[in-house]
C-alpha atoms as a PDB file:
ATOM      1  CA  UNK A   1       0.000   0.000   0.000  1.00  0.00           C
ATOM      2  CA  UNK A   2       2.847   2.366   0.870  1.00  0.00           C
ATOM      3  CA  UNK A   3       4.649   1.559  -2.365  1.00  0.00           C
ATOM      4  CA  UNK A   4       1.518   2.210  -4.431  1.00  0.00           C
ATOM      5  CA  UNK A   5       1.021   5.533  -2.677  1.00  0.00           C
ATOM      6  CA  UNK A   6       4.622   6.472  -3.372  1.00  0.00           C
ATOM      7  CA  UNK A   7       4.214   5.464  -7.009  1.00  0.00           C
ATOM      8  CA  UNK A   8       1.076   7.579  -7.276  1.00  0.00           C
ATOM      9  CA  UNK A   9       2.827  10.549  -5.739  1.00  0.00           C
ATOM     10  CA  UNK A  10       5.765  10.100  -8.107  1.00  0.00           C
ATOM     11  CA  UNK A  11       3.417   9.938 -11.093  1.00  0.00           C
ATOM     12  CA  UNK A  12       1.647  13.128  -9.988  1.00  0.00           C
ATOM     13  CA  UNK A  13       4.975  14.890  -9.551  1.00  0.00           C
ATOM     14  CA  UNK A  14       6.117  13.868 -13.027  1.00  0.00           C
ATOM     15  CA  UNK A  15       2.811  15.039 -14.537  1.00  0.00           C
ATOM     16  CA  UNK A  16       3.123  18.361 -12.759  1.00  0.00           C
ATOM     17  CA  UNK A  17       6.702  18.637 -13.959  1.00  0.00           C
ATOM     18  CA  UNK A  18       5.622  18.022 -17.568  1.00  0.00           C
ATOM     19  CA  UNK A  19       2.909  20.635 -17.233  1.00  0.00           C
ATOM     20  CA  UNK A  20       5.419  23.117 -15.849  1.00  0.00           C
ATOM     21  CA  UNK A  21       7.766  22.532 -18.756  1.00  0.00           C
ATOM     22  CA  UNK A  22       4.978  23.423 -21.235  1.00  0.00           C
ATOM     23  CA  UNK A  23       4.325  26.780 -19.631  1.00  0.00           C
ATOM     24  CA  UNK A  24       5.685  29.730 -21.620  1.00  0.00           C
ATOM     25  CA  UNK A  25       8.500  31.710 -20.141  1.00  0.00           C
ATOM     26  CA  UNK A  26       7.171  34.555 -18.093  1.00  0.00           C
ATOM     27  CA  UNK A  27       7.492  37.992 -19.624  1.00  0.00           C
ATOM     28  CA  UNK A  28       5.556  41.212 -19.361  1.00  0.00           C
ATOM     29  CA  UNK A  29       4.728  40.943 -23.059  1.00  0.00           C
ATOM     30  CA  UNK A  30       3.080  37.502 -22.846  1.00  0.00           C
ATOM     31  CA  UNK A  31       1.256  38.458 -19.661  1.00  0.00           C
ATOM     32  CA  UNK A  32       0.122  41.782 -21.146  1.00  0.00           C
ATOM     33  CA  UNK A  33       1.782  43.802 -18.397  1.00  0.00           C
ATOM     34  CA  UNK A  34       3.562  46.308 -20.611  1.00  0.00           C
ATOM     35  CA  UNK A  35       2.959  49.971 -19.790  1.00  0.00           C
ATOM     36  CA  UNK A  36       0.180  51.467 -21.893  1.00  0.00           C
ATOM     37  CA  UNK A  37      -1.475  54.795 -22.416  1.00  0.00           C
ATOM     38  CA  UNK A  38      -5.036  54.686 -21.139  1.00  0.00           C
ATOM     39  CA  UNK A  39      -6.558  58.110 -21.710  1.00  0.00           C
ATOM     40  CA  UNK A  40      -9.684  58.965 -19.807  1.00  0.00           C
ATOM     41  CA  UNK A  41     -12.317  60.529 -22.042  1.00  0.00           C
ATOM     42  CA  UNK A  42     -13.610  63.215 -19.741  1.00  0.00           C
ATOM     43  CA  UNK A  43     -16.520  65.384 -20.916  1.00  0.00           C
ATOM     44  CA  UNK A  44     -14.199  68.351 -21.379  1.00  0.00           C
ATOM     45  CA  UNK A  45     -11.772  66.295 -23.506  1.00  0.00           C
ATOM     46  CA  UNK A  46     -14.556  64.997 -25.763  1.00  0.00           C
ATOM     47  CA  UNK A  47     -16.107  68.433 -26.193  1.00  0.00           C
ATOM     48  CA  UNK A  48     -12.702  69.959 -26.936  1.00  0.00           C
ATOM     49  CA  UNK A  49     -11.922  67.254 -29.533  1.00  0.00           C
ATOM     50  CA  UNK A  50     -15.196  67.781 -31.383  1.00  0.00           C
ATOM     51  CA  UNK A  51     -14.776  71.535 -31.244  1.00  0.00           C
ATOM     52  CA  UNK A  52     -11.208  71.317 -32.581  1.00  0.00           C
ATOM     53  CA  UNK A  53     -12.317  69.185 -35.539  1.00  0.00           C
ATOM     54  CA  UNK A  54     -15.110  71.625 -36.375  1.00  0.00           C
ATOM     55  CA  UNK A  55     -12.761  74.638 -36.134  1.00  0.00           C
ATOM     56  CA  UNK A  56     -10.319  72.990 -38.561  1.00  0.00           C
ATOM     57  CA  UNK A  57     -12.779  71.372 -40.996  1.00  0.00           C
ATOM     58  CA  UNK A  58     -15.288  74.203 -41.502  1.00  0.00           C
ATOM     59  CA  UNK A  59     -12.754  76.770 -42.846  1.00  0.00           C
ATOM     60  CA  UNK A  60     -11.212  74.113 -45.114  1.00  0.00           C
ATOM     61  CA  UNK A  61     -14.668  73.224 -46.417  1.00  0.00           C
ATOM     62  CA  UNK A  62     -15.547  76.860 -47.097  1.00  0.00           C
ATOM     63  CA  UNK A  63     -12.226  77.447 -48.914  1.00  0.00           C
ATOM     64  CA  UNK A  64     -12.614  74.274 -50.978  1.00  0.00           C
ATOM     65  CA  UNK A  65     -16.181  75.112 -51.958  1.00  0.00           C
ATOM     66  CA  UNK A  66     -15.258  78.674 -52.928  1.00  0.00           C
ATOM     67  CA  UNK A  67     -12.355  77.418 -55.051  1.00  0.00           C
ATOM     68  CA  UNK A  68     -14.630  74.923 -56.807  1.00  0.00           C
ATOM     69  CA  UNK A  69     -17.280  77.585 -57.489  1.00  0.00           C
ATOM     70  CA  UNK A  70     -14.659  79.836 -59.129  1.00  0.00           C
ATOM     71  CA  UNK A  71     -13.970  77.212 -61.788  1.00  0.00           C
ATOM     72  CA  UNK A  72     -15.688  78.045 -65.088  1.00  0.00           C
ATOM     73  CA  UNK A  73     -16.914  74.969 -66.920  1.00  0.00           C
ATOM     74  CA  UNK A  74     -18.720  74.468 -70.236  1.00  0.00           C
ATOM     75  CA  UNK A  75     -20.230  71.040 -70.870  1.00  0.00           C
ATOM     76  CA  UNK A  76     -21.935  70.048 -74.110  1.00  0.00           C
ATOM     77  CA  UNK A  77     -23.405  66.613 -74.831  1.00  0.00           C
ATOM     78  CA  UNK A  78     -23.303  65.829 -78.525  1.00  0.00           C
ATOM     79  CA  UNK A  79     -23.696  62.112 -79.357  1.00  0.00           C
ATOM     80  CA  UNK A  80     -27.372  62.627 -80.219  1.00  0.00           C
ATOM     81  CA  UNK A  81     -27.310  66.162 -81.632  1.00  0.00           C
ATOM     82  CA  UNK A  82     -24.514  65.237 -84.070  1.00  0.00           C
ATOM     83  CA  UNK A  83     -26.554  62.512 -85.778  1.00  0.00           C
ATOM     84  CA  UNK A  84     -28.619  63.144 -88.927  1.00  0.00           C
ATOM     85  CA  UNK A  85     -32.312  63.339 -88.122  1.00  0.00           C
ATOM     86  CA  UNK A  86     -33.324  60.536 -90.472  1.00  0.00           C
ATOM     87  CA  UNK A  87     -30.925  57.957 -89.020  1.00  0.00           C
ATOM     88  CA  UNK A  88     -32.639  54.838 -87.659  1.00  0.00           C
ATOM     89  CA  UNK A  89     -29.641  52.528 -87.241  1.00  0.00           C
ATOM     90  CA  UNK A  90     -27.102  54.537 -85.238  1.00  0.00           C
ATOM     91  CA  UNK A  91     -24.545  51.735 -84.979  1.00  0.00           C
ATOM     92  CA  UNK A  92     -24.522  51.110 -88.732  1.00  0.00           C
ATOM     93  CA  UNK A  93     -24.118  54.845 -89.360  1.00  0.00           C
ATOM     94  CA  UNK A  94     -21.180  55.270 -86.992  1.00  0.00           C
ATOM     95  CA  UNK A  95     -19.429  52.133 -88.300  1.00  0.00           C
ATOM     96  CA  UNK A  96     -19.738  53.169 -91.950  1.00  0.00           C
ATOM     97  CA  UNK A  97     -16.347  54.674 -92.936  1.00  0.00           C
ATOM     98  CA  UNK A  98     -17.777  56.484 -95.984  1.00  0.00           C
ATOM     99  CA  UNK A  99     -20.314  58.731 -94.224  1.00  0.00           C
ATOM    100  CA  UNK A 100     -19.459  62.317 -93.364  1.00  0.00           C
ATOM    101  CA  UNK A 101     -19.521  62.641 -89.578  1.00  0.00           C
ATOM    102  CA  UNK A 102     -18.620  66.313 -89.359  1.00  0.00           C
ATOM    103  CA  UNK A 103     -20.673  68.236 -86.808  1.00  0.00           C
ATOM    104  CA  UNK A 104     -20.697  71.958 -86.016  1.00  0.00           C
ATOM    105  CA  UNK A 105     -21.729  73.235 -82.596  1.00  0.00           C
ATOM    106  CA  UNK A 106     -21.519  76.573 -80.812  1.00  0.00           C
ATOM    107  CA  UNK A 107     -20.540  77.057 -77.179  1.00  0.00           C
ATOM    108  CA  UNK A 108     -21.382  80.213 -75.246  1.00  0.00           C
ATOM    109  CA  UNK A 109     -18.914  81.618 -72.711  1.00  0.00           C
ATOM    110  CA  UNK A 110     -20.854  83.021 -69.730  1.00  0.00           C
ATOM    111  CA  UNK A 111     -17.852  84.021 -67.595  1.00  0.00           C
ATOM    112  CA  UNK A 112     -14.271  84.982 -68.293  1.00  0.00           C
ATOM    113  CA  UNK A 113     -12.044  81.928 -68.656  1.00  0.00           C
ATOM    114  CA  UNK A 114      -8.359  82.403 -67.858  1.00  0.00           C
ATOM    115  CA  UNK A 115      -5.816  80.274 -69.670  1.00  0.00           C
ATOM    116  CA  UNK A 116      -4.900  77.493 -69.669  1.00  0.00           C
ATOM    117  CA  UNK A 117      -8.341  76.189 -70.567  1.00  0.00           C
ATOM    118  CA  UNK A 118      -8.456  72.412 -70.445  1.00  0.00           C
ATOM    119  CA  UNK A 119     -10.357  70.483 -73.098  1.00  0.00           C
ATOM    120  CA  UNK A 120     -11.762  67.123 -72.001  1.00  0.00           C
ATOM    121  CA  UNK A 121     -13.919  64.465 -73.566  1.00  0.00           C
ATOM    122  CA  UNK A 122     -16.317  62.732 -71.212  1.00  0.00           C
ATOM    123  CA  UNK A 123     -17.745  59.256 -71.708  1.00  0.00           C
ATOM    124  CA  UNK A 124     -20.671  57.821 -69.738  1.00  0.00           C
ATOM    125  CA  UNK A 125     -21.535  54.139 -69.343  1.00  0.00           C
ATOM    126  CA  UNK A 126     -18.089  53.041 -70.555  1.00  0.00           C
ATOM    127  CA  UNK A 127     -16.614  50.434 -68.192  1.00  0.00           C
ATOM    128  CA  UNK A 128     -12.871  50.780 -68.600  1.00  0.00           C
ATOM    129  CA  UNK A 129     -12.512  48.966 -65.269  1.00  0.00           C
ATOM    130  CA  UNK A 130     -13.823  45.662 -66.649  1.00  0.00           C
ATOM    131  CA  UNK A 131     -11.389  42.897 -65.669  1.00  0.00           C
ATOM    132  CA  UNK A 132     -10.851  41.467 -69.151  1.00  0.00           C
ATOM    133  CA  UNK A 133     -10.542  44.930 -70.672  1.00  0.00           C
ATOM    134  CA  UNK A 134      -7.945  46.076 -68.126  1.00  0.00           C
ATOM    135  CA  UNK A 135      -5.850  42.921 -68.592  1.00  0.00           C
ATOM    136  CA  UNK A 136      -5.856  43.165 -72.402  1.00  0.00           C
ATOM    137  CA  UNK A 137      -2.506  44.934 -72.804  1.00  0.00           C
ATOM    138  CA  UNK A 138       1.220  44.153 -72.780  1.00  0.00           C
ATOM    139  CA  UNK A 139       3.312  46.510 -70.663  1.00  0.00           C
ATOM    140  CA  UNK A 140       6.507  44.748 -71.800  1.00  0.00           C
ATOM    141  CA  UNK A 141       5.670  45.412 -75.438  1.00  0.00           C
ATOM    142  CA  UNK A 142       4.900  49.077 -74.735  1.00  0.00           C
ATOM    143  CA  UNK A 143       8.298  49.597 -73.061  1.00  0.00           C
ATOM    144  CA  UNK A 144      10.770  47.458 -75.001  1.00  0.00           C
ATOM    145  CA  UNK A 145      11.060  47.053 -78.794  1.00  0.00           C
ATOM    146  CA  UNK A 146      12.559  43.593 -78.218  1.00  0.00           C
ATOM    147  CA  UNK A 147       9.250  42.455 -76.670  1.00  0.00           C
ATOM    148  CA  UNK A 148       7.244  43.102 -79.828  1.00  0.00           C
ATOM    149  CA  UNK A 149       5.843  39.562 -79.852  1.00  0.00           C
ATOM    150  CA  UNK A 150       4.783  39.599 -76.188  1.00  0.00           C
ATOM    151  CA  UNK A 151       1.085  39.560 -77.005  1.00  0.00           C
ATOM    152  CA  UNK A 152      -0.168  36.609 -74.953  1.00  0.00           C
ATOM    153  CA  UNK A 153      -2.258  38.872 -72.678  1.00  0.00           C
ATOM    154  CA  UNK A 154      -3.742  40.923 -75.535  1.00  0.00           C
ATOM    155  CA  UNK A 155      -6.310  38.574 -77.015  1.00  0.00           C
ATOM    156  CA  UNK A 156      -8.371  39.046 -79.104  1.00  0.00           C
ATOM    157  CA  UNK A 157      -6.370  42.009 -80.446  1.00  0.00           C
ATOM    158  CA  UNK A 158      -2.957  40.322 -80.423  1.00  0.00           C
ATOM    159  CA  UNK A 159      -2.220  39.283 -84.014  1.00  0.00           C
ATOM    160  CA  UNK A 160      -3.496  40.467 -87.396  1.00  0.00           C
ATOM    161  CA  UNK A 161      -2.342  39.228 -90.806  1.00  0.00           C
ATOM    162  CA  UNK A 162      -0.021  36.781 -89.012  1.00  0.00           C
ATOM    163  CA  UNK A 163       1.922  39.644 -87.427  1.00  0.00           C
ATOM    164  CA  UNK A 164       1.967  41.048 -83.910  1.00  0.00           C
ATOM    165  CA  UNK A 165      -0.040  44.208 -83.270  1.00  0.00           C
ATOM    166  CA  UNK A 166       1.847  47.069 -81.623  1.00  0.00           C
ATOM    167  CA  UNK A 167       0.335  48.282 -79.333  1.00  0.00           C
ATOM    168  CA  UNK A 168      -1.795  45.211 -78.775  1.00  0.00           C
ATOM    169  CA  UNK A 169      -4.885  44.694 -76.628  1.00  0.00           C
ATOM    170  CA  UNK A 170      -8.421  45.988 -76.322  1.00  0.00           C
ATOM    171  CA  UNK A 171      -7.458  49.198 -74.520  1.00  0.00           C
ATOM    172  CA  UNK A 172      -5.289  50.497 -77.353  1.00  0.00           C
ATOM    173  CA  UNK A 173      -7.681  49.107 -79.984  1.00  0.00           C
ATOM    174  CA  UNK A 174     -10.597  51.148 -78.557  1.00  0.00           C
ATOM    175  CA  UNK A 175      -8.661  54.444 -78.569  1.00  0.00           C
ATOM    176  CA  UNK A 176     -10.972  57.479 -78.629  1.00  0.00           C
ATOM    177  CA  UNK A 177     -11.049  59.027 -82.121  1.00  0.00           C
ATOM    178  CA  UNK A 178     -13.406  62.022 -82.017  1.00  0.00           C
ATOM    179  CA  UNK A 179     -11.548  65.240 -82.881  1.00  0.00           C
ATOM    180  CA  UNK A 180     -12.299  68.899 -82.151  1.00  0.00           C
ATOM    181  CA  UNK A 181     -11.331  72.189 -83.821  1.00  0.00           C
ATOM    182  CA  UNK A 182     -12.122  75.511 -82.149  1.00  0.00           C
ATOM    183  CA  UNK A 183     -12.459  79.069 -83.407  1.00  0.00           C
ATOM    184  CA  UNK A 184     -13.577  82.406 -81.940  1.00  0.00           C
ATOM    185  CA  UNK A 185     -14.506  85.360 -84.157  1.00  0.00           C
ATOM    186  CA  UNK A 186     -13.256  83.433 -87.184  1.00  0.00           C
ATOM    187  CA  UNK A 187      -9.859  82.963 -85.564  1.00  0.00           C
ATOM    188  CA  UNK A 188      -8.682  79.434 -84.967  1.00  0.00           C
ATOM    189  CA  UNK A 189      -7.824  78.445 -81.417  1.00  0.00           C
ATOM    190  CA  UNK A 190      -4.862  76.118 -81.346  1.00  0.00           C
ATOM    191  CA  UNK A 191      -5.050  73.179 -78.952  1.00  0.00           C
ATOM    192  CA  UNK A 192      -1.780  72.209 -77.303  1.00  0.00           C
ATOM    193  CA  UNK A 193      -1.596  68.430 -76.990  1.00  0.00           C
ATOM    194  CA  UNK A 194       1.886  68.311 -75.462  1.00  0.00           C
ATOM    195  CA  UNK A 195       2.243  67.474 -71.796  1.00  0.00           C
ATOM    196  CA  UNK A 196      -1.318  66.177 -71.367  1.00  0.00           C
ATOM    197  CA  UNK A 197      -0.141  62.776 -70.089  1.00  0.00           C
ATOM    198  CA  UNK A 198       1.697  61.812 -66.916  1.00  0.00           C
ATOM    199  CA  UNK A 199       5.443  62.372 -67.119  1.00  0.00           C
ATOM    200  CA  UNK A 200       6.078  59.034 -65.393  1.00  0.00           C
ATOM    201  CA  UNK A 201       4.047  57.246 -68.091  1.00  0.00           C
ATOM    202  CA  UNK A 202       5.993  58.891 -70.915  1.00  0.00           C
ATOM    203  CA  UNK A 203       9.356  58.132 -69.359  1.00  0.00           C
ATOM    204  CA  UNK A 204       8.838  54.665 -67.914  1.00  0.00           C
ATOM    205  CA  UNK A 205       5.799  52.919 -69.405  1.00  0.00           C
ATOM    206  CA  UNK A 206       6.053  53.805 -73.098  1.00  0.00           C
ATOM    207  CA  UNK A 207       9.316  53.314 -74.951  1.00  0.00           C
ATOM    208  CA  UNK A 208      10.964  55.939 -77.147  1.00  0.00           C
ATOM    209  CA  UNK A 209      12.099  53.170 -79.508  1.00  0.00           C
ATOM    210  CA  UNK A 210       8.688  51.466 -79.779  1.00  0.00           C
ATOM    211  CA  UNK A 211       6.671  52.382 -82.872  1.00  0.00           C
ATOM    212  CA  UNK A 212       3.129  51.349 -83.834  1.00  0.00           C
ATOM    213  CA  UNK A 213       2.991  48.390 -86.204  1.00  0.00           C
ATOM    214  CA  UNK A 214       0.095  46.572 -87.821  1.00  0.00           C
ATOM    215  CA  UNK A 215      -2.304  48.662 -85.709  1.00  0.00           C
ATOM    216  CA  UNK A 216      -6.031  48.824 -86.645  1.00  0.00           C
ATOM    217  CA  UNK A 217      -5.340  46.561 -89.644  1.00  0.00           C
ATOM    218  CA  UNK A 218      -8.011  43.983 -88.824  1.00  0.00           C
ATOM    219  CA  UNK A 219     -11.460  44.201 -90.515  1.00  0.00           C
ATOM    220  CA  UNK A 220     -13.059  45.533 -87.314  1.00  0.00           C
ATOM    221  CA  UNK A 221     -11.711  48.998 -86.488  1.00  0.00           C
ATOM    222  CA  UNK A 222     -12.022  49.911 -82.826  1.00  0.00           C
ATOM    223  CA  UNK A 223     -10.981  53.544 -82.703  1.00  0.00           C
ATOM    224  CA  UNK A 224      -8.244  55.944 -83.739  1.00  0.00           C
ATOM    225  CA  UNK A 225      -5.239  55.117 -85.909  1.00  0.00           C
ATOM    226  CA  UNK A 226      -1.672  55.854 -84.859  1.00  0.00           C
ATOM    227  CA  UNK A 227       1.143  57.453 -86.829  1.00  0.00           C
ATOM    228  CA  UNK A 228       3.719  54.697 -87.358  1.00  0.00           C
ATOM    229  CA  UNK A 229       6.587  57.212 -87.603  1.00  0.00           C
ATOM    230  CA  UNK A 230       6.036  58.567 -84.068  1.00  0.00           C
ATOM    231  CA  UNK A 231       7.232  56.544 -81.041  1.00  0.00           C
ATOM    232  CA  UNK A 232       4.703  55.559 -78.400  1.00  0.00           C
ATOM    233  CA  UNK A 233       6.137  57.849 -75.726  1.00  0.00           C
ATOM    234  CA  UNK A 234       5.179  60.839 -77.916  1.00  0.00           C
ATOM    235  CA  UNK A 235       1.657  59.622 -78.728  1.00  0.00           C
ATOM    236  CA  UNK A 236       0.054  61.294 -75.731  1.00  0.00           C
ATOM    237  CA  UNK A 237      -3.551  60.670 -76.752  1.00  0.00           C
ATOM    238  CA  UNK A 238      -2.788  56.954 -76.499  1.00  0.00           C
ATOM    239  CA  UNK A 239      -0.959  57.365 -73.172  1.00  0.00           C
ATOM    240  CA  UNK A 240      -3.892  59.288 -71.665  1.00  0.00           C
ATOM    241  CA  UNK A 241      -6.396  56.706 -72.940  1.00  0.00           C
ATOM    242  CA  UNK A 242      -4.449  53.714 -71.627  1.00  0.00           C
ATOM    243  CA  UNK A 243      -4.513  55.003 -68.059  1.00  0.00           C
ATOM    244  CA  UNK A 244      -7.860  53.309 -67.487  1.00  0.00           C
ATOM    245  CA  UNK A 245     -10.630  54.962 -65.480  1.00  0.00           C
ATOM    246  CA  UNK A 246     -12.036  53.444 -62.288  1.00  0.00           C
ATOM    247  CA  UNK A 247     -15.635  54.537 -62.856  1.00  0.00           C
ATOM    248  CA  UNK A 248     -18.005  54.180 -65.831  1.00  0.00           C
ATOM    249  CA  UNK A 249     -18.287  57.967 -66.160  1.00  0.00           C
ATOM    250  CA  UNK A 250     -14.923  59.611 -66.718  1.00  0.00           C
ATOM    251  CA  UNK A 251     -13.132  62.507 -68.376  1.00  0.00           C
ATOM    252  CA  UNK A 252      -9.836  62.386 -70.217  1.00  0.00           C
ATOM    253  CA  UNK A 253      -7.696  65.321 -71.222  1.00  0.00           C
ATOM    254  CA  UNK A 254      -7.753  66.130 -74.938  1.00  0.00           C
ATOM    255  CA  UNK A 255      -5.572  69.253 -74.907  1.00  0.00           C
ATOM    256  CA  UNK A 256      -5.131  72.808 -73.635  1.00  0.00           C
ATOM    257  CA  UNK A 257      -6.243  76.163 -75.071  1.00  0.00           C
ATOM    258  CA  UNK A 258      -3.615  78.691 -74.018  1.00  0.00           C
ATOM    259  CA  UNK A 259      -5.484  81.968 -74.618  1.00  0.00           C
ATOM    260  CA  UNK A 260      -8.072  83.700 -72.461  1.00  0.00           C
ATOM    261  CA  UNK A 261     -11.758  83.600 -73.363  1.00  0.00           C
ATOM    262  CA  UNK A 262     -14.110  86.387 -72.364  1.00  0.00           C
ATOM    263  CA  UNK A 263     -17.734  86.478 -71.295  1.00  0.00           C
ATOM    264  CA  UNK A 264     -20.008  86.700 -74.313  1.00  0.00           C
ATOM    265  CA  UNK A 265     -17.643  84.919 -76.695  1.00  0.00           C
ATOM    266  CA  UNK A 266     -19.093  82.276 -78.980  1.00  0.00           C
ATOM    267  CA  UNK A 267     -16.836  79.287 -79.605  1.00  0.00           C
ATOM    268  CA  UNK A 268     -17.420  77.519 -82.903  1.00  0.00           C
ATOM    269  CA  UNK A 269     -16.510  73.847 -82.680  1.00  0.00           C
ATOM    270  CA  UNK A 270     -16.059  71.569 -85.666  1.00  0.00           C
ATOM    271  CA  UNK A 271     -15.973  68.000 -84.449  1.00  0.00           C
ATOM    272  CA  UNK A 272     -15.831  64.603 -86.067  1.00  0.00           C
ATOM    273  CA  UNK A 273     -18.352  62.324 -84.387  1.00  0.00           C
ATOM    274  CA  UNK A 274     -16.670  58.982 -85.090  1.00  0.00           C
ATOM    275  CA  UNK A 275     -16.430  57.149 -81.777  1.00  0.00           C
ATOM    276  CA  UNK A 276     -18.998  54.379 -81.359  1.00  0.00           C
ATOM    277  CA  UNK A 277     -20.857  54.776 -78.078  1.00  0.00           C
ATOM    278  CA  UNK A 278     -24.208  53.875 -79.607  1.00  0.00           C
ATOM    279  CA  UNK A 279     -23.750  50.106 -79.316  1.00  0.00           C
ATOM    280  CA  UNK A 280     -23.735  50.368 -75.490  1.00  0.00           C
ATOM    281  CA  UNK A 281     -25.953  53.450 -75.018  1.00  0.00           C
ATOM    282  CA  UNK A 282     -23.015  55.581 -74.006  1.00  0.00           C
ATOM    283  CA  UNK A 283     -22.936  59.370 -73.849  1.00  0.00           C
ATOM    284  CA  UNK A 284     -20.292  61.734 -75.179  1.00  0.00           C
ATOM    285  CA  UNK A 285     -19.634  65.215 -73.856  1.00  0.00           C
ATOM    286  CA  UNK A 286     -17.192  67.961 -74.722  1.00  0.00           C
ATOM    287  CA  UNK A 287     -15.923  69.846 -71.670  1.00  0.00           C
ATOM    288  CA  UNK A 288     -13.992  73.111 -71.453  1.00  0.00           C
ATOM    289  CA  UNK A 289     -12.826  73.972 -67.956  1.00  0.00           C
ATOM    290  CA  UNK A 290     -10.506  76.244 -66.038  1.00  0.00           C
ATOM    291  CA  UNK A 291      -8.825  75.171 -62.802  1.00  0.00           C
ATOM    292  CA  UNK A 292      -8.233  76.518 -59.313  1.00  0.00           C
ATOM    293  CA  UNK A 293      -5.573  75.817 -56.692  1.00  0.00           C
ATOM    294  CA  UNK A 294      -7.621  72.749 -55.790  1.00  0.00           C
ATOM    295  CA  UNK A 295      -7.973  71.451 -59.358  1.00  0.00           C
ATOM    296  CA  UNK A 296     -11.127  71.182 -61.445  1.00  0.00           C
ATOM    297  CA  UNK A 297     -14.734  71.769 -60.468  1.00  0.00           C
ATOM    298  CA  UNK A 298     -15.709  69.409 -57.658  1.00  0.00           C
ATOM    299  CA  UNK A 299     -18.059  70.469 -54.860  1.00  0.00           C
ATOM    300  CA  UNK A 300     -17.915  67.115 -53.064  1.00  0.00           C
ATOM    301  CA  UNK A 301     -14.716  67.799 -51.108  1.00  0.00           C
ATOM    302  CA  UNK A 302     -15.963  71.100 -49.723  1.00  0.00           C
ATOM    303  CA  UNK A 303     -19.390  69.674 -48.877  1.00  0.00           C
ATOM    304  CA  UNK A 304     -17.773  66.698 -47.123  1.00  0.00           C
ATOM    305  CA  UNK A 305     -15.573  68.955 -44.963  1.00  0.00           C
ATOM    306  CA  UNK A 306     -18.520  71.206 -44.099  1.00  0.00           C
ATOM    307  CA  UNK A 307     -20.722  68.223 -43.232  1.00  0.00           C
ATOM    308  CA  UNK A 308     -18.170  66.649 -40.892  1.00  0.00           C
ATOM    309  CA  UNK A 309     -17.250  70.006 -39.353  1.00  0.00           C
ATOM    310  CA  UNK A 310     -20.898  70.969 -38.841  1.00  0.00           C
ATOM    311  CA  UNK A 311     -21.722  67.590 -37.285  1.00  0.00           C
ATOM    312  CA  UNK A 312     -18.797  67.869 -34.864  1.00  0.00           C
ATOM    313  CA  UNK A 313     -19.828  71.407 -33.898  1.00  0.00           C
ATOM    314  CA  UNK A 314     -23.393  70.227 -33.247  1.00  0.00           C
ATOM    315  CA  UNK A 315     -22.150  67.326 -31.090  1.00  0.00           C
ATOM    316  CA  UNK A 316     -19.816  69.581 -29.115  1.00  0.00           C
ATOM    317  CA  UNK A 317     -22.690  71.994 -28.498  1.00  0.00           C
ATOM    318  CA  UNK A 318     -25.048  69.184 -27.462  1.00  0.00           C
ATOM    319  CA  UNK A 319     -22.485  67.625 -25.099  1.00  0.00           C
ATOM    320  CA  UNK A 320     -21.760  71.046 -23.585  1.00  0.00           C
ATOM    321  CA  UNK A 321     -25.452  71.613 -22.823  1.00  0.00           C
ATOM    322  CA  UNK A 322     -25.794  68.146 -21.293  1.00  0.00           C
ATOM    323  CA  UNK A 323     -22.622  68.644 -19.264  1.00  0.00           C
ATOM    324  CA  UNK A 324     -23.870  71.874 -17.690  1.00  0.00           C
ATOM    325  CA  UNK A 325     -27.547  70.936 -17.329  1.00  0.00           C
ATOM    326  CA  UNK A 326     -27.045  67.460 -15.892  1.00  0.00           C
ATOM    327  CA  UNK A 327     -23.426  67.005 -14.797  1.00  0.00           C
ATOM    328  CA  UNK A 328     -22.130  63.609 -13.774  1.00  0.00           C
ATOM    329  CA  UNK A 329     -19.350  63.006 -11.285  1.00  0.00           C
ATOM    330  CA  UNK A 330     -16.379  61.300 -12.909  1.00  0.00           C
ATOM    331  CA  UNK A 331     -15.664  57.890 -11.382  1.00  0.00           C
ATOM    332  CA  UNK A 332     -18.861  57.707  -9.306  1.00  0.00           C
ATOM    333  CA  UNK A 333     -18.956  54.059  -8.066  1.00  0.00           C
ATOM    334  CA  UNK A 334     -22.736  54.144  -7.760  1.00  0.00           C
ATOM    335  CA  UNK A 335     -22.992  53.827 -11.559  1.00  0.00           C
ATOM    336  CA  UNK A 336     -21.287  50.416 -11.410  1.00  0.00           C
ATOM    337  CA  UNK A 337     -24.407  48.705 -10.051  1.00  0.00           C
ATOM    338  CA  UNK A 338     -27.311  47.996 -12.395  1.00  0.00           C
ATOM    339  CA  UNK A 339     -29.947  47.782  -9.688  1.00  0.00           C
ATOM    340  CA  UNK A 340     -29.155  50.955  -7.790  1.00  0.00           C
ATOM    341  CA  UNK A 341     -30.025  54.499  -8.519  1.00  0.00           C
ATOM    342  CA  UNK A 342     -27.128  56.980  -8.704  1.00  0.00           C
ATOM    343  CA  UNK A 343     -26.529  58.259  -5.200  1.00  0.00           C
ATOM    344  CA  UNK A 344     -29.043  55.763  -3.690  1.00  0.00           C
ATOM    345  CA  UNK A 345     -28.492  53.347  -0.796  1.00  0.00           C
END
């Protein structure tokens, strides 16, 4: 009996020893005993925080909204107005290369527009963010002339007439091809198309030794043609187009008018309505816009700052009223019990 008791005690000791060996080494980190900052959110601290946010955000919102309202913008939608009245099949008309697609429109300048005046084209209901569309390109081919045959990711616009297409892919193939010519008082306004793309794209993504080859040579033409004697890093319309948009409604820079326009001027625009948006019920708009220190016209940023700042000011005011009307002692232990009234017995 004594030996069995001793054996049992020995077994218990060995089990305890094994358990002890599995315990992690004690440290303040594993036991969560490291020093920490534990701020106490007193009523005064909360009110001050809300008030500080409102004091900072409201002036920024007002400044942003004023800057946006100073931007002068002219927007003209033309995909319907530039069609002949007797056209029933819009897609067949726009895909017919023999029809004259010249369209003349007039834009009225309501406010003075200081140069540079940016010319954009806007497309609606065009999903450049579609997964297969975005992947249909070859960055290696765009950069390096030795990668001309790297077209595996460009299907279906990878090869035509048994030769590689440069630049290949659906993005380049669908390049926007409407053009605009402007005049005021019978004087032509030149549009500067230099420097409209990102400098990083010109220098790193599009090679100076890569030239278009076999482009738009298939039976189905997608968009604009490219000059085969100009390298890709100088074809800025293509560079702007190939930086795909994240939303189905987007604007892309067409060029810059570098003279001032005055209130009351009438801008005569001769445009070629060639880009096919009719097969997907898309819209086309011509946009002329100035800029401010904040960029183009966009009221959202200013409204967002004013909304957040106004909400914080309202909360700070509400908390201040509550704090003075019905103050509460900080750290009152009577609030720790659910079945006792504050200050009760």
